[in-house]
Every structure is written in structure tokens, then in C-alpha cells.
Amino acid sequence: MIDLNSKQRKLLEKAAHPLSPLVIVGQEGVTDGVTAMLSSQLEKHELVKLKFNEYKEEKEELAAGLAQATNSTLVRIIGNIATFYRESSDEEKRNFKRQLDKLA
């Protein structure tokens, strides 16, 4: 997990705006499968939206737990959509590192 300053957070929020949620929390809640799916999608895309169809009242705690479990950063929660960021382990897939480093 990295700490984002306001400029970095804004950059990621802007990049995430057109994205659709790739992971959904449903009736079963945050399962190992949801955590694994989020981690897998973060490795592929770096920036991922997750939608809470259920457990909306606990979304802040659940999102924080998911960020910790996936070693990612919770960028923002807007409505029932949480946005997560994790730098890809593959240097060629790192889309945001240079931009974030400039804003640090």
C-alpha cells in the first residue's frame, strides 16, 4: 500500500472515471474468491473498480480490508463503487508510476 497525496489521488480518480466495475461484492460478501479476483484484476489493470451490490452499510470497512488483503491502495469510494490501485509487478504494464512519481 502506498499513501497517495491529493494530486496523485486526483490523477487516479480521473483515470478511473470511464472504467466499469470488474469485481462485484454480492450476497456472499467479501469471500476469498472476491479477494483473489480483485488481486488478479489489479495485476492486469493496476486500477480497478469494485461494486458493492450487498453489504453497502459496511463498504468502508470491507474496502479497507480488501485493500490490505490485496496489498493495494483504496483510492476512493463514491456511492457503492470503490476504486483500488496497485502497481503492476511487470514493469511494461506500469501505466501510472511515472505520473504518480512526478506528483509525489
PDB file of N, CA and C in Angstrom:
ATOM      1  N   MET A   1       0.838  -1.183   0.000  1.00  0.00           N
ATOM      2  CA  MET A   1       0.000   0.000   0.000  1.00  0.00           C
ATOM      3  C   MET A   1       0.881   1.243   0.000  1.00  0.00           C
ATOM      4  N   ILE A   2       0.476   2.213  -0.778  1.00  0.00           N
ATOM      5  CA  ILE A   2       1.189   3.482  -0.785  1.00  0.00           C
ATOM      6  C   ILE A   2       0.233   4.571  -0.312  1.00  0.00           C
ATOM      7  N   ASP A   3       0.800   5.584   0.279  1.00  0.00           N
ATOM      8  CA  ASP A   3      -0.003   6.734   0.671  1.00  0.00           C
ATOM      9  C   ASP A   3      -0.044   7.697  -0.509  1.00  0.00           C
ATOM     10  N   LEU A   4      -1.232   8.085  -0.882  1.00  0.00           N
ATOM     11  CA  LEU A   4      -1.399   9.000  -2.002  1.00  0.00           C
ATOM     12  C   LEU A   4      -1.640  10.414  -1.489  1.00  0.00           C
ATOM     13  N   ASN A   5      -0.996  11.384  -2.129  1.00  0.00           N
ATOM     14  CA  ASN A   5      -1.333  12.763  -1.804  1.00  0.00           C
ATOM     15  C   ASN A   5      -2.540  13.161  -2.653  1.00  0.00           C
ATOM     16  N   SER A   6      -3.063  14.332  -2.465  1.00  0.00           N
ATOM     17  CA  SER A   6      -4.301  14.728  -3.149  1.00  0.00           C
ATOM     18  C   SER A   6      -4.128  14.791  -4.673  1.00  0.00           C
ATOM     19  N   LYS A   7      -2.962  15.213  -5.152  1.00  0.00           N
ATOM     20  CA  LYS A   7      -2.736  15.280  -6.595  1.00  0.00           C
ATOM     21  C   LYS A   7      -2.680  13.890  -7.219  1.00  0.00           C
ATOM     22  N   GLN A   8      -2.023  12.972  -6.531  1.00  0.00           N
ATOM     23  CA  GLN A   8      -1.947  11.600  -7.024  1.00  0.00           C
ATOM     24  C   GLN A   8      -3.328  10.955  -7.029  1.00  0.00           C
ATOM     25  N   ARG A   9      -4.072  11.169  -5.956  1.00  0.00           N
ATOM     26  CA  ARG A   9      -5.423  10.615  -5.850  1.00  0.00           C
ATOM     27  C   ARG A   9      -6.313  11.146  -6.981  1.00  0.00           C
ATOM     28  N   LYS A  10      -6.189  12.437  -7.247  1.00  0.00           N
ATOM     29  CA  LYS A  10      -6.992  13.060  -8.312  1.00  0.00           C
ATOM     30  C   LYS A  10      -6.640  12.467  -9.676  1.00  0.00           C
ATOM     31  N   LEU A  11      -5.364  12.234  -9.946  1.00  0.00           N
ATOM     32  CA  LEU A  11      -4.928  11.624 -11.196  1.00  0.00           C
ATOM     33  C   LEU A  11      -5.565  10.248 -11.368  1.00  0.00           C
ATOM     34  N   LEU A  12      -5.534   9.431 -10.320  1.00  0.00           N
ATOM     35  CA  LEU A  12      -6.103   8.085 -10.395  1.00  0.00           C
ATOM     36  C   LEU A  12      -7.627   8.127 -10.503  1.00  0.00           C
ATOM     37  N   GLU A  13      -8.255   9.044  -9.806  1.00  0.00           N
ATOM     38  CA  GLU A  13      -9.716   9.182  -9.905  1.00  0.00           C
ATOM     39  C   GLU A  13     -10.130   9.527 -11.331  1.00  0.00           C
ATOM     40  N   LYS A  14      -9.388  10.436 -11.939  1.00  0.00           N
ATOM     41  CA  LYS A  14      -9.690  10.844 -13.319  1.00  0.00           C
ATOM     42  C   LYS A  14      -9.505   9.663 -14.271  1.00  0.00           C
ATOM     43  N   ALA A  15      -8.451   8.892 -14.086  1.00  0.00           N
ATOM     44  CA  ALA A  15      -8.200   7.733 -14.943  1.00  0.00           C
ATOM     45  C   ALA A  15      -9.261   6.647 -14.738  1.00  0.00           C
ATOM     46  N   ALA A  16      -9.796   6.546 -13.534  1.00  0.00           N
ATOM     47  CA  ALA A  16     -10.781   5.504 -13.219  1.00  0.00           C
ATOM     48  C   ALA A  16     -12.191   5.873 -13.661  1.00  0.00           C
ATOM     49  N   HIS A  17     -12.445   7.137 -13.894  1.00  0.00           N
ATOM     50  CA  HIS A  17     -13.804   7.596 -14.181  1.00  0.00           C
ATOM     51  C   HIS A  17     -14.505   6.792 -15.292  1.00  0.00           C
ATOM     52  N   PRO A  18     -13.875   6.545 -16.440  1.00  0.00           N
ATOM     53  CA  PRO A  18     -14.590   5.825 -17.500  1.00  0.00           C
ATOM     54  C   PRO A  18     -14.644   4.299 -17.308  1.00  0.00           C
ATOM     55  N   LEU A  19     -13.957   3.780 -16.294  1.00  0.00           N
ATOM     56  CA  LEU A  19     -13.896   2.332 -16.097  1.00  0.00           C
ATOM     57  C   LEU A  19     -15.198   1.783 -15.530  1.00  0.00           C
ATOM     58  N   SER A  20     -15.509   0.565 -15.884  1.00  0.00           N
ATOM     59  CA  SER A  20     -16.645  -0.156 -15.318  1.00  0.00           C
ATOM     60  C   SER A  20     -16.130  -1.057 -14.196  1.00  0.00           C
ATOM     61  N   PRO A  21     -16.958  -1.361 -13.206  1.00  0.00           N
ATOM     62  CA  PRO A  21     -16.525  -2.279 -12.140  1.00  0.00           C
ATOM     63  C   PRO A  21     -16.206  -3.666 -12.701  1.00  0.00           C
ATOM     64  N   LEU A  22     -15.075  -4.213 -12.303  1.00  0.00           N
ATOM     65  CA  LEU A  22     -14.656  -5.538 -12.740  1.00  0.00           C
ATOM     66  C   LEU A  22     -14.924  -6.597 -11.685  1.00  0.00           C
ATOM     67  N   VAL A  23     -15.132  -6.166 -10.445  1.00  0.00           N
ATOM     68  CA  VAL A  23     -15.359  -7.080  -9.331  1.00  0.00           C
ATOM     69  C   VAL A  23     -16.618  -6.619  -8.607  1.00  0.00           C
ATOM     70  N   ILE A  24     -17.448  -7.588  -8.190  1.00  0.00           N
ATOM     71  CA  ILE A  24     -18.699  -7.255  -7.515  1.00  0.00           C
ATOM     72  C   ILE A  24     -18.801  -8.027  -6.211  1.00  0.00           C
ATOM     73  N   VAL A  25     -19.189  -7.326  -5.147  1.00  0.00           N
ATOM     74  CA  VAL A  25     -19.462  -7.957  -3.863  1.00  0.00           C
ATOM     75  C   VAL A  25     -20.967  -8.198  -3.802  1.00  0.00           C
ATOM     76  N   GLY A  26     -21.354  -9.479  -3.741  1.00  0.00           N
ATOM     77  CA  GLY A  26     -22.764  -9.840  -3.739  1.00  0.00           C
ATOM     78  C   GLY A  26     -23.212 -10.398  -2.410  1.00  0.00           C
ATOM     79  N   GLN A  27     -24.180 -11.308  -2.449  1.00  0.00           N
ATOM     80  CA  GLN A  27     -24.798 -11.868  -1.250  1.00  0.00           C
ATOM     81  C   GLN A  27     -23.813 -12.559  -0.329  1.00  0.00           C
ATOM     82  N   GLU A  28     -22.805 -13.191  -0.887  1.00  0.00           N
ATOM     83  CA  GLU A  28     -21.844 -13.933  -0.077  1.00  0.00           C
ATOM     84  C   GLU A  28     -20.855 -13.016   0.645  1.00  0.00           C
ATOM     85  N   GLY A  29     -20.814 -11.759   0.277  1.00  0.00           N
ATOM     86  CA  GLY A  29     -19.905 -10.813   0.916  1.00  0.00           C
ATOM     87  C   GLY A  29     -18.508 -10.901   0.335  1.00  0.00           C
ATOM     88  N   VAL A  30     -17.548 -10.474   1.128  1.00  0.00           N
ATOM     89  CA  VAL A  30     -16.148 -10.495   0.703  1.00  0.00           C
ATOM     90  C   VAL A  30     -15.589 -11.877   1.006  1.00  0.00           C
ATOM     91  N   THR A  31     -15.549 -12.713  -0.020  1.00  0.00           N
ATOM     92  CA  THR A  31     -15.039 -14.075   0.116  1.00  0.00           C
ATOM     93  C   THR A  31     -13.593 -14.129  -0.380  1.00  0.00           C
ATOM     94  N   ASP A  32     -12.983 -15.302  -0.219  1.00  0.00           N
ATOM     95  CA  ASP A  32     -11.634 -15.494  -0.759  1.00  0.00           C
ATOM     96  C   ASP A  32     -11.633 -15.320  -2.274  1.00  0.00           C
ATOM     97  N   GLY A  33     -12.732 -15.717  -2.919  1.00  0.00           N
ATOM     98  CA  GLY A  33     -12.856 -15.565  -4.360  1.00  0.00           C
ATOM     99  C   GLY A  33     -12.878 -14.113  -4.795  1.00  0.00           C
ATOM    100  N   VAL A  34     -13.583 -13.272  -4.043  1.00  0.00           N
ATOM    101  CA  VAL A  34     -13.631 -11.835  -4.349  1.00  0.00           C
ATOM    102  C   VAL A  34     -12.240 -11.232  -4.175  1.00  0.00           C
ATOM    103  N   THR A  35     -11.579 -11.602  -3.099  1.00  0.00           N
ATOM    104  CA  THR A  35     -10.228 -11.094  -2.842  1.00  0.00           C
ATOM    105  C   THR A  35      -9.264 -11.531  -3.942  1.00  0.00           C
ATOM    106  N   ALA A  36      -9.345 -12.798  -4.339  1.00  0.00           N
ATOM    107  CA  ALA A  36      -8.468 -13.312  -5.398  1.00  0.00           C
ATOM    108  C   ALA A  36      -8.773 -12.633  -6.732  1.00  0.00           C
ATOM    109  N   MET A  37     -10.047 -12.426  -7.018  1.00  0.00           N
ATOM    110  CA  MET A  37     -10.434 -11.763  -8.273  1.00  0.00           C
ATOM    111  C   MET A  37      -9.913 -10.326  -8.305  1.00  0.00           C
ATOM    112  N   LEU A  38     -10.052  -9.603  -7.193  1.00  0.00           N
ATOM    113  CA  LEU A  38      -9.555  -8.232  -7.129  1.00  0.00           C
ATOM    114  C   LEU A  38      -8.044  -8.209  -7.323  1.00  0.00           C
ATOM    115  N   SER A  39      -7.346  -9.106  -6.661  1.00  0.00           N
ATOM    116  CA  SER A  39      -5.887  -9.160  -6.800  1.00  0.00           C
ATOM    117  C   SER A  39      -5.478  -9.460  -8.237  1.00  0.00           C
ATOM    118  N   SER A  40      -6.169 -10.392  -8.862  1.00  0.00           N
ATOM    119  CA  SER A  40      -5.885 -10.749 -10.252  1.00  0.00           C
ATOM    120  C   SER A  40      -6.143  -9.575 -11.196  1.00  0.00           C
ATOM    121  N   GLN A  41      -7.242  -8.892 -11.004  1.00  0.00           N
ATOM    122  CA  GLN A  41      -7.578  -7.751 -11.861  1.00  0.00           C
ATOM    123  C   GLN A  41      -6.602  -6.589 -11.640  1.00  0.00           C
ATOM    124  N   LEU A  42      -6.159  -6.401 -10.407  1.00  0.00           N
ATOM    125  CA  LEU A  42      -5.161  -5.358 -10.131  1.00  0.00           C
ATOM    126  C   LEU A  42      -3.855  -5.660 -10.846  1.00  0.00           C
ATOM    127  N   GLU A  43      -3.478  -6.929 -10.890  1.00  0.00           N
ATOM    128  CA  GLU A  43      -2.239  -7.297 -11.577  1.00  0.00           C
ATOM    129  C   GLU A  43      -2.352  -7.011 -13.074  1.00  0.00           C
ATOM    130  N   LYS A  44      -3.540  -7.218 -13.641  1.00  0.00           N
ATOM    131  CA  LYS A  44      -3.742  -6.982 -15.066  1.00  0.00           C
ATOM    132  C   LYS A  44      -3.898  -5.506 -15.405  1.00  0.00           C
ATOM    133  N   HIS A  45      -4.625  -4.764 -14.558  1.00  0.00           N
ATOM    134  CA  HIS A  45      -5.042  -3.406 -14.927  1.00  0.00           C
ATOM    135  C   HIS A  45      -4.487  -2.287 -14.051  1.00  0.00           C
ATOM    136  N   GLU A  46      -3.958  -2.595 -12.884  1.00  0.00           N
ATOM    137  CA  GLU A  46      -3.458  -1.626 -11.899  1.00  0.00           C
ATOM    138  C   GLU A  46      -4.564  -0.822 -11.217  1.00  0.00           C
ATOM    139  N   LEU A  47      -5.538  -0.379 -11.954  1.00  0.00           N
ATOM    140  CA  LEU A  47      -6.614   0.460 -11.430  1.00  0.00           C
ATOM    141  C   LEU A  47      -7.931  -0.272 -11.666  1.00  0.00           C
ATOM    142  N   VAL A  48      -8.639  -0.599 -10.576  1.00  0.00           N
ATOM    143  CA  VAL A  48      -9.821  -1.446 -10.673  1.00  0.00           C
ATOM    144  C   VAL A  48     -10.948  -0.879  -9.816  1.00  0.00           C
ATOM    145  N   LYS A  49     -12.161  -0.937 -10.376  1.00  0.00           N
ATOM    146  CA  LYS A  49     -13.350  -0.563  -9.618  1.00  0.00           C
ATOM    147  C   LYS A  49     -14.042  -1.828  -9.119  1.00  0.00           C
ATOM    148  N   LEU A  50     -14.567  -1.745  -7.899  1.00  0.00           N
ATOM    149  CA  LEU A  50     -15.314  -2.825  -7.280  1.00  0.00           C
ATOM    150  C   LEU A  50     -16.670  -2.272  -6.870  1.00  0.00           C
ATOM    151  N   LYS A  51     -17.732  -3.005  -7.164  1.00  0.00           N
ATOM    152  CA  LYS A  51     -19.076  -2.542  -6.843  1.00  0.00           C
ATOM    153  C   LYS A  51     -19.652  -3.359  -5.693  1.00  0.00           C
ATOM    154  N   PHE A  52     -20.259  -2.668  -4.740  1.00  0.00           N
ATOM    155  CA  PHE A  52     -20.955  -3.315  -3.637  1.00  0.00           C
ATOM    156  C   PHE A  52     -22.432  -3.403  -3.979  1.00  0.00           C
ATOM    157  N   ASN A  53     -22.897  -4.601  -4.381  1.00  0.00           N
ATOM    158  CA  ASN A  53     -24.328  -4.818  -4.579  1.00  0.00           C
ATOM    159  C   ASN A  53     -25.004  -5.125  -3.247  1.00  0.00           C
ATOM    160  N   GLU A  54     -24.269  -5.701  -2.336  1.00  0.00           N
ATOM    161  CA  GLU A  54     -24.729  -6.018  -0.979  1.00  0.00           C
ATOM    162  C   GLU A  54     -23.701  -5.456  -0.002  1.00  0.00           C
ATOM    163  N   TYR A  55     -24.032  -5.484   1.281  1.00  0.00           N
ATOM    164  CA  TYR A  55     -23.129  -5.023   2.350  1.00  0.00           C
ATOM    165  C   TYR A  55     -22.739  -3.562   2.164  1.00  0.00           C
ATOM    166  N   LYS A  56     -23.674  -2.767   1.692  1.00  0.00           N
ATOM    167  CA  LYS A  56     -23.404  -1.362   1.408  1.00  0.00           C
ATOM    168  C   LYS A  56     -23.123  -0.564   2.673  1.00  0.00           C
ATOM    169  N   GLU A  57     -23.716  -0.967   3.792  1.00  0.00           N
ATOM    170  CA  GLU A  57     -23.501  -0.239   5.049  1.00  0.00           C
ATOM    171  C   GLU A  57     -22.080  -0.434   5.572  1.00  0.00           C
ATOM    172  N   GLU A  58     -21.464  -1.566   5.232  1.00  0.00           N
ATOM    173  CA  GLU A  58     -20.114  -1.881   5.719  1.00  0.00           C
ATOM    174  C   GLU A  58     -19.037  -1.645   4.672  1.00  0.00           C
ATOM    175  N   LYS A  59     -19.369  -0.941   3.600  1.00  0.00           N
ATOM    176  CA  LYS A  59     -18.434  -0.838   2.467  1.00  0.00           C
ATOM    177  C   LYS A  59     -17.093  -0.216   2.836  1.00  0.00           C
ATOM    178  N   GLU A  60     -17.076   0.776   3.741  1.00  0.00           N
ATOM    179  CA  GLU A  60     -15.794   1.400   4.100  1.00  0.00           C
ATOM    180  C   GLU A  60     -14.858   0.395   4.767  1.00  0.00           C
ATOM    181  N   GLU A  61     -15.395  -0.372   5.728  1.00  0.00           N
ATOM    182  CA  GLU A  61     -14.572  -1.359   6.428  1.00  0.00           C
ATOM    183  C   GLU A  61     -14.160  -2.491   5.495  1.00  0.00           C
ATOM    184  N   LEU A  62     -15.093  -2.952   4.677  1.00  0.00           N
ATOM    185  CA  LEU A  62     -14.782  -4.042   3.750  1.00  0.00           C
ATOM    186  C   LEU A  62     -13.753  -3.611   2.707  1.00  0.00           C
ATOM    187  N   ALA A  63     -13.886  -2.401   2.189  1.00  0.00           N
ATOM    188  CA  ALA A  63     -12.935  -1.900   1.190  1.00  0.00           C
ATOM    189  C   ALA A  63     -11.541  -1.754   1.798  1.00  0.00           C
ATOM    190  N   ALA A  64     -11.475  -1.260   3.026  1.00  0.00           N
ATOM    191  CA  ALA A  64     -10.176  -1.133   3.698  1.00  0.00           C
ATOM    192  C   ALA A  64      -9.544  -2.503   3.905  1.00  0.00           C
ATOM    193  N   GLY A  65     -10.350  -3.487   4.277  1.00  0.00           N
ATOM    194  CA  GLY A  65      -9.852  -4.850   4.444  1.00  0.00           C
ATOM    195  C   GLY A  65      -9.374  -5.459   3.138  1.00  0.00           C
ATOM    196  N   LEU A  66     -10.115  -5.208   2.064  1.00  0.00           N
ATOM    197  CA  LEU A  66      -9.697  -5.687   0.747  1.00  0.00           C
ATOM    198  C   LEU A  66      -8.390  -5.049   0.302  1.00  0.00           C
ATOM    199  N   ALA A  67      -8.238  -3.768   0.555  1.00  0.00           N
ATOM    200  CA  ALA A  67      -7.000  -3.082   0.191  1.00  0.00           C
ATOM    201  C   ALA A  67      -5.817  -3.709   0.928  1.00  0.00           C
ATOM    202  N   GLN A  68      -6.020  -3.995   2.201  1.00  0.00           N
ATOM    203  CA  GLN A  68      -4.940  -4.611   2.981  1.00  0.00           C
ATOM    204  C   GLN A  68      -4.661  -6.032   2.490  1.00  0.00           C
ATOM    205  N   ALA A  69      -5.710  -6.800   2.222  1.00  0.00           N
ATOM    206  CA  ALA A  69      -5.546  -8.194   1.789  1.00  0.00           C
ATOM    207  C   ALA A  69      -4.892  -8.303   0.421  1.00  0.00           C
ATOM    208  N   THR A  70      -5.105  -7.318  -0.441  1.00  0.00           N
ATOM    209  CA  THR A  70      -4.538  -7.355  -1.799  1.00  0.00           C
ATOM    210  C   THR A  70      -3.296  -6.490  -1.932  1.00  0.00           C
ATOM    211  N   ASN A  71      -2.846  -5.909  -0.836  1.00  0.00           N
ATOM    212  CA  ASN A  71      -1.677  -5.032  -0.842  1.00  0.00           C
ATOM    213  C   ASN A  71      -1.850  -3.904  -1.861  1.00  0.00           C
ATOM    214  N   SER A  72      -3.050  -3.340  -1.875  1.00  0.00           N
ATOM    215  CA  SER A  72      -3.364  -2.255  -2.802  1.00  0.00           C
ATOM    216  C   SER A  72      -3.730  -1.004  -2.007  1.00  0.00           C
ATOM    217  N   THR A  73      -3.995   0.062  -2.717  1.00  0.00           N
ATOM    218  CA  THR A  73      -4.387   1.323  -2.105  1.00  0.00           C
ATOM    219  C   THR A  73      -5.829   1.624  -2.479  1.00  0.00           C
ATOM    220  N   LEU A  74      -6.625   1.928  -1.490  1.00  0.00           N
ATOM    221  CA  LEU A  74      -8.001   2.350  -1.731  1.00  0.00           C
ATOM    222  C   LEU A  74      -7.947   3.809  -2.159  1.00  0.00           C
ATOM    223  N   VAL A  75      -8.283   4.068  -3.411  1.00  0.00           N
ATOM    224  CA  VAL A  75      -8.209   5.422  -3.952  1.00  0.00           C
ATOM    225  C   VAL A  75      -9.380   6.247  -3.455  1.00  0.00           C
ATOM    226  N   ARG A  76     -10.598   5.707  -3.625  1.00  0.00           N
ATOM    227  CA  ARG A  76     -11.786   6.464  -3.233  1.00  0.00           C
ATOM    228  C   ARG A  76     -13.000   5.549  -3.258  1.00  0.00           C
ATOM    229  N   ILE A  77     -13.994   5.880  -2.440  1.00  0.00           N
ATOM    230  CA  ILE A  77     -15.302   5.236  -2.507  1.00  0.00           C
ATOM    231  C   ILE A  77     -16.295   6.326  -2.875  1.00  0.00           C
ATOM    232  N   ILE A  78     -16.988   6.118  -3.983  1.00  0.00           N
ATOM    233  CA  ILE A  78     -18.040   7.042  -4.411  1.00  0.00           C
ATOM    234  C   ILE A  78     -19.302   6.206  -4.587  1.00  0.00           C
ATOM    235  N   GLY A  79     -20.326   6.536  -3.830  1.00  0.00           N
ATOM    236  CA  GLY A  79     -21.544   5.740  -3.859  1.00  0.00           C
ATOM    237  C   GLY A  79     -21.241   4.340  -3.374  1.00  0.00           C
ATOM    238  N   ASN A  80     -21.535   3.348  -4.186  1.00  0.00           N
ATOM    239  CA  ASN A  80     -21.253   1.952  -3.832  1.00  0.00           C
ATOM    240  C   ASN A  80     -20.118   1.375  -4.669  1.00  0.00           C
ATOM    241  N   ILE A  81     -19.275   2.244  -5.200  1.00  0.00           N
ATOM    242  CA  ILE A  81     -18.143   1.839  -6.030  1.00  0.00           C
ATOM    243  C   ILE A  81     -16.839   2.249  -5.339  1.00  0.00           C
ATOM    244  N   ALA A  82     -15.968   1.256  -5.137  1.00  0.00           N
ATOM    245  CA  ALA A  82     -14.653   1.518  -4.557  1.00  0.00           C
ATOM    246  C   ALA A  82     -13.604   1.355  -5.661  1.00  0.00           C
ATOM    247  N   THR A  83     -12.625   2.244  -5.674  1.00  0.00           N
ATOM    248  CA  THR A  83     -11.548   2.188  -6.659  1.00  0.00           C
ATOM    249  C   THR A  83     -10.247   1.838  -5.943  1.00  0.00           C
ATOM    250  N   PHE A  84      -9.540   0.847  -6.488  1.00  0.00           N
ATOM    251  CA  PHE A  84      -8.286   0.369  -5.907  1.00  0.00           C
ATOM    252  C   PHE A  84      -7.158   0.533  -6.913  1.00  0.00           C
ATOM    253  N   TYR A  85      -5.944   0.770  -6.383  1.00  0.00           N
ATOM    254  CA  TYR A  85      -4.750   0.881  -7.231  1.00  0.00           C
ATOM    255  C   TYR A  85      -3.638   0.031  -6.632  1.00  0.00           C
ATOM    256  N   ARG A  86      -2.949  -0.698  -7.497  1.00  0.00           N
ATOM    257  CA  ARG A  86      -1.733  -1.414  -7.114  1.00  0.00           C
ATOM    258  C   ARG A  86      -0.820  -1.442  -8.325  1.00  0.00           C
ATOM    259  N   GLU A  87       0.408  -1.030  -8.119  1.00  0.00           N
ATOM    260  CA  GLU A  87       1.398  -1.024  -9.194  1.00  0.00           C
ATOM    261  C   GLU A  87       1.639  -2.449  -9.668  1.00  0.00           C
ATOM    262  N   SER A  88       1.677  -2.635 -10.979  1.00  0.00           N
ATOM    263  CA  SER A  88       1.895  -3.956 -11.551  1.00  0.00           C
ATOM    264  C   SER A  88       3.318  -4.431 -11.274  1.00  0.00           C
ATOM    265  N   SER A  89       3.463  -5.732 -11.090  1.00  0.00           N
ATOM    266  CA  SER A  89       4.805  -6.284 -10.884  1.00  0.00           C
ATOM    267  C   SER A  89       5.587  -6.327 -12.204  1.00  0.00           C
ATOM    268  N   ASP A  90       4.886  -6.254 -13.331  1.00  0.00           N
ATOM    269  CA  ASP A  90       5.508  -6.234 -14.654  1.00  0.00           C
ATOM    270  C   ASP A  90       5.771  -4.780 -15.060  1.00  0.00           C
ATOM    271  N   GLU A  91       7.031  -4.416 -15.191  1.00  0.00           N
ATOM    272  CA  GLU A  91       7.386  -3.029 -15.489  1.00  0.00           C
ATOM    273  C   GLU A  91       6.742  -2.513 -16.767  1.00  0.00           C
ATOM    274  N   GLU A  92       6.530  -3.370 -17.744  1.00  0.00           N
ATOM    275  CA  GLU A  92       5.926  -2.937 -19.003  1.00  0.00           C
ATOM    276  C   GLU A  92       4.454  -2.577 -18.850  1.00  0.00           C
ATOM    277  N   LYS A  93       3.799  -3.073 -17.804  1.00  0.00           N
ATOM    278  CA  LYS A  93       2.377  -2.812 -17.592  1.00  0.00           C
ATOM    279  C   LYS A  93       2.127  -1.647 -16.633  1.00  0.00           C
ATOM    280  N   ARG A  94       3.175  -1.015 -16.172  1.00  0.00           N
ATOM    281  CA  ARG A  94       3.030   0.100 -15.228  1.00  0.00           C
ATOM    282  C   ARG A  94       2.628   1.358 -15.981  1.00  0.00           C
ATOM    283  N   ASN A  95       1.360   1.696 -15.895  1.00  0.00           N
ATOM    284  CA  ASN A  95       0.828   2.839 -16.617  1.00  0.00           C
ATOM    285  C   ASN A  95       0.909   4.148 -15.836  1.00  0.00           C
ATOM    286  N   PHE A  96       0.944   4.072 -14.514  1.00  0.00           N
ATOM    287  CA  PHE A  96       0.800   5.275 -13.699  1.00  0.00           C
ATOM    288  C   PHE A  96       2.040   5.656 -12.902  1.00  0.00           C
ATOM    289  N   LYS A  97       3.037   4.780 -12.812  1.00  0.00           N
ATOM    290  CA  LYS A  97       4.176   5.021 -11.926  1.00  0.00           C
ATOM    291  C   LYS A  97       4.877   6.354 -12.192  1.00  0.00           C
ATOM    292  N   ARG A  98       5.239   6.629 -13.442  1.00  0.00           N
ATOM    293  CA  ARG A  98       5.943   7.868 -13.753  1.00  0.00           C
ATOM    294  C   ARG A  98       5.109   9.091 -13.401  1.00  0.00           C
ATOM    295  N   GLN A  99       3.829   9.043 -13.748  1.00  0.00           N
ATOM    296  CA  GLN A  99       2.942  10.172 -13.456  1.00  0.00           C
ATOM    297  C   GLN A  99       2.793  10.385 -11.962  1.00  0.00           C
ATOM    298  N   LEU A 100       2.639   9.293 -11.203  1.00  0.00           N
ATOM    299  CA  LEU A 100       2.492   9.408  -9.748  1.00  0.00           C
ATOM    300  C   LEU A 100       3.790   9.913  -9.102  1.00  0.00           C
ATOM    301  N   ASP A 101       4.926   9.433  -9.611  1.00  0.00           N
ATOM    302  CA  ASP A 101       6.215   9.877  -9.059  1.00  0.00           C
ATOM    303  C   ASP A 101       6.429  11.378  -9.288  1.00  0.00           C
ATOM    304  N   LYS A 102       5.980  11.897 -10.425  1.00  0.00           N
ATOM    305  CA  LYS A 102       6.112  13.328 -10.696  1.00  0.00           C
ATOM    306  C   LYS A 102       5.294  14.176  -9.712  1.00  0.00           C
ATOM    307  N   LEU A 103       4.167  13.618  -9.277  1.00  0.00           N
ATOM    308  CA  LEU A 103       3.273  14.355  -8.380  1.00  0.00           C
ATOM    309  C   LEU A 103       3.604  14.157  -6.905  1.00  0.00           C
ATOM    310  N   ALA A 104       4.560  13.287  -6.616  1.00  0.00           N
ATOM    311  CA  ALA A 104       4.898  12.989  -5.211  1.00  0.00           C
ATOM    312  C   ALA A 104       5.559  14.167  -4.521  1.00  0.00           C
TER     313      ALA A 104
END
